[in-house]
C-alpha atoms as a PDB file:
ATOM      1  CA  UNK A   1      -0.423  -0.056   0.310  1.00  0.00           C
ATOM      2  CA  UNK A   2       1.516   3.384  -0.829  1.00  0.00           C
ATOM      3  CA  UNK A   3       0.652   6.718   1.290  1.00  0.00           C
ATOM      4  CA  UNK A   4       1.599  10.027  -0.853  1.00  0.00           C
ATOM      5  CA  UNK A   5       2.512  12.841   1.737  1.00  0.00           C
ATOM      6  CA  UNK A   6       3.103  16.464   0.702  1.00  0.00           C
ATOM      7  CA  UNK A   7       5.532  19.064   2.672  1.00  0.00           C
ATOM      8  CA  UNK A   8       4.797  22.919   2.226  1.00  0.00           C
ATOM      9  CA  UNK A   9       7.759  24.736   2.289  1.00  0.00           C
ATOM     10  CA  UNK A  10       6.626  28.277   2.477  1.00  0.00           C
ATOM     11  CA  UNK A  11       7.609  31.219   3.949  1.00  0.00           C
ATOM     12  CA  UNK A  12       5.269  32.541   6.971  1.00  0.00           C
ATOM     13  CA  UNK A  13       4.335  36.365   7.575  1.00  0.00           C
ATOM     14  CA  UNK A  14       5.695  36.805  11.280  1.00  0.00           C
ATOM     15  CA  UNK A  15       2.959  37.149  14.182  1.00  0.00           C
ATOM     16  CA  UNK A  16       0.114  37.128  11.288  1.00  0.00           C
ATOM     17  CA  UNK A  17      -1.439  34.062  11.465  1.00  0.00           C
ATOM     18  CA  UNK A  18      -4.569  35.438   8.880  1.00  0.00           C
ATOM     19  CA  UNK A  19      -2.464  36.045   6.191  1.00  0.00           C
ATOM     20  CA  UNK A  20      -0.396  32.981   6.729  1.00  0.00           C
ATOM     21  CA  UNK A  21      -3.499  30.842   6.480  1.00  0.00           C
ATOM     22  CA  UNK A  22      -4.785  32.541   3.292  1.00  0.00           C
ATOM     23  CA  UNK A  23      -1.375  31.998   1.896  1.00  0.00           C
ATOM     24  CA  UNK A  24      -1.473  28.597   2.661  1.00  0.00           C
ATOM     25  CA  UNK A  25      -5.266  27.202   1.647  1.00  0.00           C
ATOM     26  CA  UNK A  26      -4.330  27.044  -2.119  1.00  0.00           C
ATOM     27  CA  UNK A  27      -1.189  25.104  -1.145  1.00  0.00           C
ATOM     28  CA  UNK A  28      -3.016  22.795   0.653  1.00  0.00           C
ATOM     29  CA  UNK A  29      -5.896  22.186  -1.512  1.00  0.00           C
ATOM     30  CA  UNK A  30      -3.504  22.009  -4.521  1.00  0.00           C
ATOM     31  CA  UNK A  31      -1.323  19.015  -3.021  1.00  0.00           C
ATOM     32  CA  UNK A  32      -1.952  16.179  -4.847  1.00  0.00           C
ATOM     33  CA  UNK A  33      -1.727  14.121  -1.555  1.00  0.00           C
ATOM     34  CA  UNK A  34      -3.363  12.249   1.267  1.00  0.00           C
ATOM     35  CA  UNK A  35      -1.414  13.566   3.909  1.00  0.00           C
ATOM     36  CA  UNK A  36       0.175  17.643   3.981  1.00  0.00           C
ATOM     37  CA  UNK A  37       2.620  18.813   6.567  1.00  0.00           C
ATOM     38  CA  UNK A  38       3.337  22.273   7.288  1.00  0.00           C
ATOM     39  CA  UNK A  39       6.538  23.275   9.380  1.00  0.00           C
ATOM     40  CA  UNK A  40       6.342  24.442  12.769  1.00  0.00           C
ATOM     41  CA  UNK A  41       4.596  27.531  13.838  1.00  0.00           C
ATOM     42  CA  UNK A  42       3.255  27.679  10.214  1.00  0.00           C
ATOM     43  CA  UNK A  43       0.687  30.408  11.244  1.00  0.00           C
ATOM     44  CA  UNK A  44       3.293  33.354  13.276  1.00  0.00           C
ATOM     45  CA  UNK A  45       7.031  31.987  12.678  1.00  0.00           C
ATOM     46  CA  UNK A  46       8.930  30.813  15.786  1.00  0.00           C
ATOM     47  CA  UNK A  47       8.305  33.579  18.083  1.00  0.00           C
ATOM     48  CA  UNK A  48       9.293  33.053  21.591  1.00  0.00           C
ATOM     49  CA  UNK A  49       6.120  35.341  22.727  1.00  0.00           C
ATOM     50  CA  UNK A  50       3.523  33.297  22.325  1.00  0.00           C
ATOM     51  CA  UNK A  51       0.705  35.187  24.553  1.00  0.00           C
ATOM     52  CA  UNK A  52       0.753  37.975  21.666  1.00  0.00           C
ATOM     53  CA  UNK A  53      -0.461  35.461  19.019  1.00  0.00           C
ATOM     54  CA  UNK A  54      -1.225  32.066  20.626  1.00  0.00           C
ATOM     55  CA  UNK A  55      -4.187  29.808  19.201  1.00  0.00           C
ATOM     56  CA  UNK A  56      -6.537  28.481  21.608  1.00  0.00           C
ATOM     57  CA  UNK A  57      -7.587  24.540  21.693  1.00  0.00           C
ATOM     58  CA  UNK A  58     -10.090  24.983  19.118  1.00  0.00           C
ATOM     59  CA  UNK A  59      -9.157  28.660  17.905  1.00  0.00           C
ATOM     60  CA  UNK A  60      -9.153  30.054  14.513  1.00  0.00           C
ATOM     61  CA  UNK A  61      -6.133  28.210  13.133  1.00  0.00           C
ATOM     62  CA  UNK A  62      -7.071  24.508  14.852  1.00  0.00           C
ATOM     63  CA  UNK A  63     -10.838  25.501  13.178  1.00  0.00           C
ATOM     64  CA  UNK A  64      -9.413  26.340  10.207  1.00  0.00           C
ATOM     65  CA  UNK A  65      -7.240  23.051   9.594  1.00  0.00           C
ATOM     66  CA  UNK A  66     -10.277  20.932  10.491  1.00  0.00           C
ATOM     67  CA  UNK A  67     -11.832  22.703   7.460  1.00  0.00           C
ATOM     68  CA  UNK A  68      -9.195  22.381   5.101  1.00  0.00           C
ATOM     69  CA  UNK A  69      -9.139  18.499   6.036  1.00  0.00           C
ATOM     70  CA  UNK A  70     -13.161  17.925   4.900  1.00  0.00           C
ATOM     71  CA  UNK A  71     -12.856  20.140   2.678  1.00  0.00           C
ATOM     72  CA  UNK A  72      -9.908  19.127   0.496  1.00  0.00           C
ATOM     73  CA  UNK A  73     -10.034  15.041   1.873  1.00  0.00           C
ATOM     74  CA  UNK A  74      -6.798  14.919   3.030  1.00  0.00           C
ATOM     75  CA  UNK A  75      -5.446  15.012   6.895  1.00  0.00           C
ATOM     76  CA  UNK A  76      -3.444  17.957   7.759  1.00  0.00           C
ATOM     77  CA  UNK A  77      -0.349  18.397  10.110  1.00  0.00           C
ATOM     78  CA  UNK A  78       1.757  20.997  11.563  1.00  0.00           C
ATOM     79  CA  UNK A  79       2.532  22.913  14.770  1.00  0.00           C
ATOM     80  CA  UNK A  80       0.870  25.856  16.793  1.00  0.00           C
ATOM     81  CA  UNK A  81       1.313  28.144  19.576  1.00  0.00           C
ATOM     82  CA  UNK A  82      -1.552  26.995  21.618  1.00  0.00           C
ATOM     83  CA  UNK A  83      -2.979  29.028  25.074  1.00  0.00           C
ATOM     84  CA  UNK A  84      -4.335  26.327  27.573  1.00  0.00           C
ATOM     85  CA  UNK A  85      -4.816  26.393  30.903  1.00  0.00           C
ATOM     86  CA  UNK A  86      -2.664  29.873  31.633  1.00  0.00           C
ATOM     87  CA  UNK A  87       0.445  27.647  29.806  1.00  0.00           C
ATOM     88  CA  UNK A  88       1.284  27.693  26.107  1.00  0.00           C
ATOM     89  CA  UNK A  89       2.101  24.769  24.122  1.00  0.00           C
ATOM     90  CA  UNK A  90       3.998  24.401  20.661  1.00  0.00           C
ATOM     91  CA  UNK A  91       1.149  21.962  19.614  1.00  0.00           C
ATOM     92  CA  UNK A  92       1.341  19.907  16.531  1.00  0.00           C
ATOM     93  CA  UNK A  93      -2.094  18.798  15.167  1.00  0.00           C
ATOM     94  CA  UNK A  94      -2.396  16.295  12.971  1.00  0.00           C
ATOM     95  CA  UNK A  95      -6.187  16.462  11.827  1.00  0.00           C
ATOM     96  CA  UNK A  96      -7.995  14.311   9.159  1.00  0.00           C
ATOM     97  CA  UNK A  97     -11.193  14.464   6.657  1.00  0.00           C
ATOM     98  CA  UNK A  98     -13.408  12.696   8.985  1.00  0.00           C
ATOM     99  CA  UNK A  99     -13.144  15.057  12.046  1.00  0.00           C
ATOM    100  CA  UNK A 100     -10.196  13.149  13.713  1.00  0.00           C
ATOM    101  CA  UNK A 101      -7.978  15.083  15.632  1.00  0.00           C
ATOM    102  CA  UNK A 102      -4.602  14.409  17.229  1.00  0.00           C
ATOM    103  CA  UNK A 103      -1.847  16.588  18.868  1.00  0.00           C
ATOM    104  CA  UNK A 104       1.374  16.197  20.222  1.00  0.00           C
ATOM    105  CA  UNK A 105       3.144  18.734  22.552  1.00  0.00           C
ATOM    106  CA  UNK A 106       6.864  19.195  21.596  1.00  0.00           C
ATOM    107  CA  UNK A 107       8.943  17.859  24.392  1.00  0.00           C
ATOM    108  CA  UNK A 108      11.895  19.170  23.613  1.00  0.00           C
ATOM    109  CA  UNK A 109      12.374  23.479  23.490  1.00  0.00           C
ATOM    110  CA  UNK A 110      15.088  25.084  22.150  1.00  0.00           C
ATOM    111  CA  UNK A 111      16.384  26.238  25.172  1.00  0.00           C
ATOM    112  CA  UNK A 112      19.496  28.175  23.452  1.00  0.00           C
ATOM    113  CA  UNK A 113      17.113  30.006  21.651  1.00  0.00           C
ATOM    114  CA  UNK A 114      14.693  31.308  24.089  1.00  0.00           C
ATOM    115  CA  UNK A 115      11.940  28.761  23.537  1.00  0.00           C
ATOM    116  CA  UNK A 116      11.246  27.063  27.374  1.00  0.00           C
ATOM    117  CA  UNK A 117      11.373  30.570  28.936  1.00  0.00           C
ATOM    118  CA  UNK A 118       7.616  31.264  27.356  1.00  0.00           C
ATOM    119  CA  UNK A 119       6.457  27.401  26.343  1.00  0.00           C
ATOM    120  CA  UNK A 120       5.541  24.314  28.118  1.00  0.00           C
ATOM    121  CA  UNK A 121       7.350  21.247  26.785  1.00  0.00           C
ATOM    122  CA  UNK A 122       5.382  18.094  26.366  1.00  0.00           C
ATOM    123  CA  UNK A 123       5.369  15.093  28.360  1.00  0.00           C
ATOM    124  CA  UNK A 124       3.916  12.144  25.602  1.00  0.00           C
ATOM    125  CA  UNK A 125       5.229  10.519  22.791  1.00  0.00           C
ATOM    126  CA  UNK A 126       2.318  10.228  20.240  1.00  0.00           C
ATOM    127  CA  UNK A 127       2.255   8.225  17.205  1.00  0.00           C
ATOM    128  CA  UNK A 128      -1.090   8.349  15.469  1.00  0.00           C
ATOM    129  CA  UNK A 129      -2.672   6.116  12.438  1.00  0.00           C
ATOM    130  CA  UNK A 130      -3.705   7.229   9.463  1.00  0.00           C
ATOM    131  CA  UNK A 131      -4.834   4.715   6.473  1.00  0.00           C
ATOM    132  CA  UNK A 132      -2.863   2.431   7.122  1.00  0.00           C
ATOM    133  CA  UNK A 133       0.607   4.108   8.344  1.00  0.00           C
ATOM    134  CA  UNK A 134       1.720   4.828  11.745  1.00  0.00           C
ATOM    135  CA  UNK A 135       3.369   8.468  12.186  1.00  0.00           C
ATOM    136  CA  UNK A 136       5.324   9.611  15.125  1.00  0.00           C
ATOM    137  CA  UNK A 137       5.109  13.180  15.331  1.00  0.00           C
ATOM    138  CA  UNK A 138       7.843  15.720  16.114  1.00  0.00           C
ATOM    139  CA  UNK A 139       9.111  18.799  16.571  1.00  0.00           C
ATOM    140  CA  UNK A 140      11.930  20.097  15.170  1.00  0.00           C
ATOM    141  CA  UNK A 141      14.855  20.353  18.147  1.00  0.00           C
ATOM    142  CA  UNK A 142      13.087  16.897  19.054  1.00  0.00           C
ATOM    143  CA  UNK A 143      15.170  15.716  16.059  1.00  0.00           C
ATOM    144  CA  UNK A 144      18.156  15.481  17.930  1.00  0.00           C
ATOM    145  CA  UNK A 145      17.368  13.111  20.972  1.00  0.00           C
ATOM    146  CA  UNK A 146      17.271   9.519  19.310  1.00  0.00           C
ATOM    147  CA  UNK A 147      16.033   8.075  22.492  1.00  0.00           C
ATOM    148  CA  UNK A 148      12.051  10.304  22.605  1.00  0.00           C
ATOM    149  CA  UNK A 149      12.097   8.982  18.952  1.00  0.00           C
ATOM    150  CA  UNK A 150      13.440   5.542  18.730  1.00  0.00           C
ATOM    151  CA  UNK A 151      11.197   3.084  16.973  1.00  0.00           C
ATOM    152  CA  UNK A 152       9.234  -0.078  19.419  1.00  0.00           C
ATOM    153  CA  UNK A 153       7.804  -1.055  16.199  1.00  0.00           C
ATOM    154  CA  UNK A 154       4.942   1.340  17.063  1.00  0.00           C
ATOM    155  CA  UNK A 155       5.432   3.397  14.148  1.00  0.00           C
ATOM    156  CA  UNK A 156       6.290   3.224  10.007  1.00  0.00           C
ATOM    157  CA  UNK A 157       7.527   7.090   9.766  1.00  0.00           C
ATOM    158  CA  UNK A 158       8.459  10.040  11.388  1.00  0.00           C
ATOM    159  CA  UNK A 159       6.503  13.459  10.757  1.00  0.00           C
ATOM    160  CA  UNK A 160       8.852  16.461  11.960  1.00  0.00           C
ATOM    161  CA  UNK A 161       7.916  20.056  11.088  1.00  0.00           C
ATOM    162  CA  UNK A 162      10.489  22.520  11.783  1.00  0.00           C
ATOM    163  CA  UNK A 163      12.018  26.141  11.830  1.00  0.00           C
ATOM    164  CA  UNK A 164      15.329  24.981  11.288  1.00  0.00           C
ATOM    165  CA  UNK A 165      17.792  28.224  10.331  1.00  0.00           C
ATOM    166  CA  UNK A 166      20.214  27.707   7.795  1.00  0.00           C
ATOM    167  CA  UNK A 167      23.400  27.697   9.693  1.00  0.00           C
ATOM    168  CA  UNK A 168      22.498  24.513  10.718  1.00  0.00           C
ATOM    169  CA  UNK A 169      21.590  23.351   7.952  1.00  0.00           C
ATOM    170  CA  UNK A 170      24.037  20.207   7.732  1.00  0.00           C
ATOM    171  CA  UNK A 171      22.673  18.764  11.051  1.00  0.00           C
ATOM    172  CA  UNK A 172      19.605  18.934   9.701  1.00  0.00           C
ATOM    173  CA  UNK A 173      19.918  17.001   6.413  1.00  0.00           C
ATOM    174  CA  UNK A 174      22.643  14.408   8.401  1.00  0.00           C
ATOM    175  CA  UNK A 175      19.849  14.112  11.708  1.00  0.00           C
ATOM    176  CA  UNK A 176      16.851  12.755   9.187  1.00  0.00           C
ATOM    177  CA  UNK A 177      19.025  10.334   7.270  1.00  0.00           C
ATOM    178  CA  UNK A 178      20.012   9.329  10.576  1.00  0.00           C
ATOM    179  CA  UNK A 179      16.400   9.391  11.912  1.00  0.00           C
ATOM    180  CA  UNK A 180      15.456   7.012   9.034  1.00  0.00           C
ATOM    181  CA  UNK A 181      18.401   4.419   9.562  1.00  0.00           C
ATOM    182  CA  UNK A 182      18.460   3.478  13.033  1.00  0.00           C
ATOM    183  CA  UNK A 183      14.464   3.418  13.116  1.00  0.00           C
ATOM    184  CA  UNK A 184      14.160   1.587   9.465  1.00  0.00           C
ATOM    185  CA  UNK A 185      11.680   3.812   9.000  1.00  0.00           C
ATOM    186  CA  UNK A 186      10.379   6.912   6.410  1.00  0.00           C
ATOM    187  CA  UNK A 187      10.916  10.098   7.467  1.00  0.00           C
ATOM    188  CA  UNK A 188       9.361  13.133   6.248  1.00  0.00           C
ATOM    189  CA  UNK A 189      10.840  16.815   7.442  1.00  0.00           C
ATOM    190  CA  UNK A 190       9.439  20.097   6.557  1.00  0.00           C
ATOM    191  CA  UNK A 191      11.241  23.520   7.094  1.00  0.00           C
ATOM    192  CA  UNK A 192      10.584  27.013   6.377  1.00  0.00           C
ATOM    193  CA  UNK A 193      11.544  29.168   4.080  1.00  0.00           C
ATOM    194  CA  UNK A 194      12.533  33.019   4.820  1.00  0.00           C
ATOM    195  CA  UNK A 195      13.428  35.620   7.554  1.00  0.00           C
ATOM    196  CA  UNK A 196      12.417  36.542  10.982  1.00  0.00           C
ATOM    197  CA  UNK A 197      14.245  38.565  13.607  1.00  0.00           C
ATOM    198  CA  UNK A 198      16.148  35.095  14.862  1.00  0.00           C
ATOM    199  CA  UNK A 199      17.526  34.512  11.541  1.00  0.00           C
ATOM    200  CA  UNK A 200      17.419  32.865   7.835  1.00  0.00           C
ATOM    201  CA  UNK A 201      15.786  30.279   6.949  1.00  0.00           C
ATOM    202  CA  UNK A 202      16.869  27.802   3.575  1.00  0.00           C
ATOM    203  CA  UNK A 203      14.223  24.799   3.949  1.00  0.00           C
ATOM    204  CA  UNK A 204      15.962  21.844   2.216  1.00  0.00           C
ATOM    205  CA  UNK A 205      12.518  19.924   2.877  1.00  0.00           C
ATOM    206  CA  UNK A 206      13.415  16.264   2.529  1.00  0.00           C
ATOM    207  CA  UNK A 207      11.931  12.749   2.702  1.00  0.00           C
ATOM    208  CA  UNK A 208      14.142  10.040   3.708  1.00  0.00           C
ATOM    209  CA  UNK A 209      13.520   6.081   3.132  1.00  0.00           C
ATOM    210  CA  UNK A 210      13.774   3.144   5.599  1.00  0.00           C
ATOM    211  CA  UNK A 211      17.854   3.183   4.174  1.00  0.00           C
ATOM    212  CA  UNK A 212      18.435   6.206   4.706  1.00  0.00           C
ATOM    213  CA  UNK A 213      18.422   7.087   0.890  1.00  0.00           C
ATOM    214  CA  UNK A 214      16.986  10.818   0.047  1.00  0.00           C
ATOM    215  CA  UNK A 215      13.867   9.849  -1.710  1.00  0.00           C
ATOM    216  CA  UNK A 216      13.048  14.143  -2.805  1.00  0.00           C
ATOM    217  CA  UNK A 217      14.827  16.822  -1.573  1.00  0.00           C
ATOM    218  CA  UNK A 218      13.919  20.970  -1.833  1.00  0.00           C
ATOM    219  CA  UNK A 219      16.114  23.724  -2.166  1.00  0.00           C
ATOM    220  CA  UNK A 220      15.894  27.117  -0.282  1.00  0.00           C
ATOM    221  CA  UNK A 221      12.374  28.119  -2.149  1.00  0.00           C
ATOM    222  CA  UNK A 222       8.660  28.309  -1.499  1.00  0.00           C
ATOM    223  CA  UNK A 223       7.430  24.781  -3.153  1.00  0.00           C
ATOM    224  CA  UNK A 224       5.445  21.747  -2.199  1.00  0.00           C
ATOM    225  CA  UNK A 225       7.759  18.270  -2.019  1.00  0.00           C
ATOM    226  CA  UNK A 226       5.871  15.183  -2.736  1.00  0.00           C
ATOM    227  CA  UNK A 227       6.866  11.628  -2.488  1.00  0.00           C
ATOM    228  CA  UNK A 228       5.065   8.333  -1.873  1.00  0.00           C
ATOM    229  CA  UNK A 229       5.785   5.770   1.511  1.00  0.00           C
ATOM    230  CA  UNK A 230       5.255   1.728   0.495  1.00  0.00           C
ATOM    231  CA  UNK A 231       4.195  -0.242   3.673  1.00  0.00           C
ATOM    232  CA  UNK A 232       4.538  -3.303   1.631  1.00  0.00           C
ATOM    233  CA  UNK A 233       8.561  -2.056   0.700  1.00  0.00           C
ATOM    234  CA  UNK A 234       8.807  -0.851   4.477  1.00  0.00           C
ATOM    235  CA  UNK A 235       7.606  -4.131   5.666  1.00  0.00           C
ATOM    236  CA  UNK A 236      10.020  -6.371   3.476  1.00  0.00           C
ATOM    237  CA  UNK A 237      12.785  -4.637   4.414  1.00  0.00           C
ATOM    238  CA  UNK A 238      12.058  -4.832   8.404  1.00  0.00           C
ATOM    239  CA  UNK A 239      12.147  -8.619   7.572  1.00  0.00           C
ATOM    240  CA  UNK A 240      15.329  -9.071   4.995  1.00  0.00           C
ATOM    241  CA  UNK A 241      17.065  -6.939   7.598  1.00  0.00           C
ATOM    242  CA  UNK A 242      15.789  -7.033  11.100  1.00  0.00           C
ATOM    243  CA  UNK A 243      18.032  -4.808  13.352  1.00  0.00           C
ATOM    244  CA  UNK A 244      15.083  -3.731  14.824  1.00  0.00           C
ATOM    245  CA  UNK A 245      15.024  -7.001  17.289  1.00  0.00           C
ATOM    246  CA  UNK A 246      18.909  -6.367  18.116  1.00  0.00           C
ATOM    247  CA  UNK A 247      17.367  -3.144  20.209  1.00  0.00           C
ATOM    248  CA  UNK A 248      18.229  -2.261  23.473  1.00  0.00           C
ATOM    249  CA  UNK A 249      15.256  -2.125  26.439  1.00  0.00           C
ATOM    250  CA  UNK A 250      14.982   1.612  27.978  1.00  0.00           C
ATOM    251  CA  UNK A 251      12.041   2.977  29.848  1.00  0.00           C
ATOM    252  CA  UNK A 252      11.772   6.859  29.510  1.00  0.00           C
ATOM    253  CA  UNK A 253      11.625   8.622  33.132  1.00  0.00           C
ATOM    254  CA  UNK A 254       9.844  11.857  32.735  1.00  0.00           C
END
């Protein structure tokens, strides 16, 4: 079985949710895919002051994601600054055409950049299933932490949305391949392009297969990148080369 994924690599108008949603809708609508993945904080940019622009759990941004998913018949994922119970979260949603909504709160906040000052880290690792595929949800900095993302036989692909600066682009490329190789899984990583008050973003969104091979990679301009994940090919490889059986057992303590 194949599932087609699209990565919308786009520039983000700083702290202007309505403008960003208006620009993204035609991209989501046109994407020939079963799942469309948007960058980290796609509606606002990587703001360190979420109080000014944070969405509520049922606010404008997530409501718009639901509408897109139903109207265009595809799952939509991406992270949003969310205000809930007096705290702020960098929350990755995964919404589906049947009205379903799963979410993952970014666990590893980017402390060197100040993200941990105003956001609360998540505590739960989240895997969602859609049309026969199981997806681990990760947000940007999470990609650096292999223990958190270690496959325990519970997922087939990683979806990672990011605001990864151009100055560390080689790290981004390397980590996408590393997570794919060590977990024998597909990886889809979407990054933004353009500039914000913190720096410059060069995109480099990419798909990597379960052998660590780059299937498709975007450059440094706005574009929608797509690829097909094949569950039969993945299963055949995992059976032929079952390195996962020799993985060390462990438990994450919060």
